Protein backbone atom coordinates (compact mmCIF):
# COMPACT_ATOMS: atom_id res chain seq x y z
CA MET A 1 -16.63 0.37 -9.19
CA ARG A 2 -13.79 -0.18 -6.69
CA ASP A 3 -11.71 -2.29 -9.07
CA SER A 4 -12.30 0.16 -11.90
CA LEU A 5 -11.15 3.04 -9.70
CA ILE A 6 -8.03 1.16 -8.61
CA ALA A 7 -7.24 0.48 -12.28
CA GLN A 8 -7.72 4.16 -13.09
CA ILE A 9 -5.40 5.19 -10.23
CA GLU A 10 -2.78 2.67 -11.39
CA ARG A 11 -3.02 3.99 -14.95
CA ASP A 12 -3.07 7.72 -14.16
CA PHE A 13 -0.29 7.55 -11.58
CA ALA A 14 1.89 5.07 -13.47
CA GLY A 15 5.46 6.19 -13.70
CA VAL A 16 5.37 8.88 -11.01
CA SER A 17 8.47 8.85 -8.84
CA ARG A 18 9.59 10.44 -5.62
CA GLU A 19 12.21 12.43 -7.53
CA GLY A 20 13.72 13.59 -4.23
CA GLY A 21 10.35 14.45 -2.70
CA VAL A 22 9.51 13.87 0.95
CA SER A 23 9.36 10.20 1.89
CA ILE A 24 7.34 8.64 4.69
CA SER A 25 10.26 8.43 7.13
CA GLU A 26 11.21 12.00 6.32
CA ALA A 27 7.61 13.08 6.93
CA TYR A 28 7.86 11.64 10.44
CA ALA A 29 11.14 13.54 10.94
CA ILE A 30 9.43 16.74 9.78
CA ASP A 31 6.57 16.09 12.20
CA ASP A 32 9.12 15.66 15.00
CA HIS A 33 10.88 18.94 14.02
CA GLU A 34 14.13 17.11 13.37
CA PRO A 35 17.12 18.99 11.91
CA GLU A 36 17.95 18.79 8.19
CA GLU A 37 20.61 16.08 8.59
CA VAL A 38 18.10 13.78 10.33
CA ARG A 39 15.54 14.45 7.60
CA ILE A 40 18.09 13.59 4.91
CA ALA A 41 19.02 10.35 6.68
CA ALA A 42 15.34 9.48 7.11
CA ARG A 43 14.69 10.05 3.40
CA ALA A 44 17.67 7.86 2.49
CA SER A 45 16.32 5.05 4.69
CA ASP A 46 13.20 4.77 2.54
CA THR A 47 14.36 2.60 -0.33
CA TYR A 48 11.04 2.03 -2.09
CA SER A 49 11.08 3.40 -5.63
CA ARG A 50 7.58 2.57 -6.89
CA TRP A 51 4.41 3.57 -5.12
CA GLN A 52 2.87 0.23 -6.18
CA GLU A 53 5.32 -1.65 -3.92
CA LEU A 54 4.71 0.57 -0.89
CA ASP A 55 3.20 -1.19 2.13
CA VAL A 56 1.29 1.76 3.56
CA ALA A 57 0.24 0.02 6.77
CA LYS A 58 3.82 -1.03 7.52
CA GLU A 59 5.56 2.20 6.47
CA ASP A 60 3.03 4.61 8.02
CA PRO A 61 1.29 2.77 10.88
CA ALA A 62 0.04 6.01 12.45
CA GLY A 63 -1.40 7.17 9.15
CA SER A 64 0.03 10.65 9.58
CA ALA A 65 2.80 11.03 6.99
CA MET A 66 0.68 12.43 4.15
CA GLY A 67 0.08 15.61 6.11
CA PHE A 68 3.81 16.44 5.90
CA MET A 69 4.46 15.72 2.24
CA ASP A 70 5.69 18.20 -0.34
CA PRO A 71 4.16 18.24 -3.86
CA ILE A 72 6.51 15.52 -5.15
CA GLY A 73 5.95 13.29 -2.12
CA THR A 74 2.19 13.83 -2.32
CA ARG A 75 2.00 12.90 -6.00
CA PHE A 76 4.10 9.79 -5.35
CA HIS A 77 2.44 8.50 -2.15
CA LEU A 78 -1.20 9.50 -2.66
CA PRO A 79 -2.05 6.67 -5.10
CA ALA A 80 -0.64 4.09 -2.68
CA TYR A 81 -2.80 5.45 0.15
CA MET A 82 -5.91 5.61 -2.06
CA CYS A 83 -5.44 2.04 -3.34
CA PHE A 84 -4.74 0.76 0.17
CA THR A 85 -7.92 2.41 1.47
CA LEU A 86 -9.98 1.08 -1.43
CA LYS A 87 -8.72 -2.45 -0.81
CA HIS A 88 -8.84 -2.46 2.99
CA GLY A 89 -11.36 0.20 4.02
CA THR A 90 -11.03 3.52 5.76
CA GLN A 91 -10.52 2.04 9.21
CA ALA A 92 -7.43 0.05 8.21
CA LEU A 93 -5.08 3.02 8.19
CA GLY A 94 -3.77 5.03 11.11
CA SER A 95 -4.82 5.37 14.68
CA TYR A 96 -4.40 8.97 15.74
CA VAL A 97 -7.83 10.26 14.71
CA ASP A 98 -11.27 9.01 15.65
CA THR A 99 -12.11 8.07 12.10
CA ASN A 100 -10.02 7.93 9.00
CA THR A 101 -12.72 9.88 7.21
CA GLN A 102 -11.40 12.84 9.20
CA LEU A 103 -7.86 11.90 8.26
CA TRP A 104 -8.69 11.81 4.55
CA SER A 105 -10.61 15.08 4.72
CA TYR A 106 -7.56 16.67 6.34
CA TRP A 107 -5.19 15.27 3.72
CA LEU A 108 -7.35 16.26 0.77
CA ARG A 109 -8.32 19.76 1.80
CA VAL A 110 -6.81 22.59 -0.17
CA ASP A 111 -8.01 25.50 1.93
CA ASP A 112 -4.73 27.34 2.27
CA GLU A 113 -1.65 27.95 0.16
CA ARG A 114 0.43 25.21 1.77
CA ALA A 115 -2.29 22.58 1.43
CA SER A 116 -3.10 23.66 -2.10
CA SER A 117 0.55 23.55 -3.17
CA ARG A 118 0.82 19.91 -2.09
CA PHE A 119 -1.42 18.99 -5.04
CA SER A 120 0.16 21.38 -7.55
CA LEU A 121 1.90 18.60 -9.51
CA LEU A 122 -1.24 16.53 -10.08
CA HIS A 123 -2.49 16.72 -13.65
CA ARG A 124 -6.19 16.67 -14.46
CA PRO A 125 -6.61 12.86 -14.73
CA GLN A 126 -4.86 12.46 -11.35
CA ARG A 127 -7.10 15.12 -9.81
CA GLN A 128 -10.09 13.28 -11.26
CA CYS A 129 -8.87 10.12 -9.53
CA VAL A 130 -8.92 11.98 -6.22
CA ALA A 131 -12.44 13.29 -6.88
CA ARG A 132 -13.67 9.81 -7.86
CA PHE A 133 -12.01 8.36 -4.77
CA LEU A 134 -14.07 10.79 -2.66
CA VAL A 135 -17.23 9.88 -4.58
CA PHE A 136 -16.57 6.18 -4.05
CA GLN A 137 -16.06 6.72 -0.32
CA ALA A 138 -19.29 8.71 -0.11
CA TYR A 139 -21.21 5.94 -1.88
CA ALA A 140 -19.55 3.24 0.24
CA SER A 141 -20.44 5.14 3.41
CA GLU A 142 -24.02 5.55 2.18
CA VAL A 143 -23.60 9.26 2.73
CA GLN A 144 -26.76 11.31 2.53
CA SER A 145 -25.74 14.68 3.95
CA LEU A 146 -23.22 17.37 3.25
CA SER A 147 -22.06 17.09 6.84
CA SER A 148 -20.14 14.09 5.54
CA ASP A 149 -16.45 14.89 5.32
CA TRP A 150 -16.34 13.04 1.98
CA LEU A 151 -18.91 15.31 0.36
CA ARG A 152 -17.65 18.47 2.02
CA VAL A 153 -14.12 18.00 0.70
CA LEU A 154 -15.45 16.92 -2.69
CA ARG A 155 -17.67 20.01 -2.99
CA GLU A 156 -15.16 22.50 -1.66
CA TYR A 157 -12.05 21.38 -3.54
CA TRP A 158 -12.28 18.50 -6.01
CA LEU A 159 -15.70 18.48 -7.71
CA ARG A 160 -14.64 21.04 -10.33
CA ASP A 161 -12.07 18.56 -11.70
CA LEU A 162 -14.74 16.14 -12.94
CA PRO A 163 -16.24 16.36 -16.43
CA ASP A 164 -19.48 18.40 -16.60
CA GLY A 165 -21.80 15.41 -17.13
CA GLU A 166 -20.29 13.46 -14.26
CA ARG A 167 -20.43 16.51 -11.98
CA ARG A 168 -24.11 17.15 -12.85
CA GLY A 169 -24.96 13.51 -12.14
CA LEU A 170 -23.38 13.75 -8.71
CA GLN A 171 -25.18 17.02 -8.03
CA ASN A 172 -28.47 15.29 -8.90
CA ARG A 173 -27.60 12.46 -6.50
CA TRP A 174 -26.44 14.84 -3.78
CA PRO A 175 -28.10 18.28 -4.33
CA GLN A 176 -25.94 19.73 -1.56
CA LEU A 177 -22.98 19.53 -3.98
CA ARG A 178 -24.55 22.35 -6.01
CA ALA A 179 -23.72 25.04 -3.49
């Protein structure tokens, strides 16, 4: 399932570019409340042009940049973070939260206008990748309760993006997703 999901991410996010969106270094500058000229210089310092070549652990060792991305930066970087997590596990990224489950649930929430707008450029297959990523993490964590951040974020924001049959199957597996 993991390899199939990685292949789907690679296919559905193929060809996306930063197109001037927020880069990882710029995200750190935003987090530090740096002035515009520092942000521009930080963006210019990030020379990666394909998300597939991005070394997430090296570029974002704290695991915090995704929280400061704009819609273009989110669409570009998200597949790299998902593939990295699928290949290396949730504990391999970042260090500023107790568990990276909390980090992912923060990144993938869309509970306000700013958070929701970060995902505005994702088309349906890309949104389905995010939903399936959450499902995979729930299965991998042997989640049984809605108190799981994986299921909570899936139910509240991403479940509606899955095809009806797939959604019903998940709701049968985890009845708490019906609410």
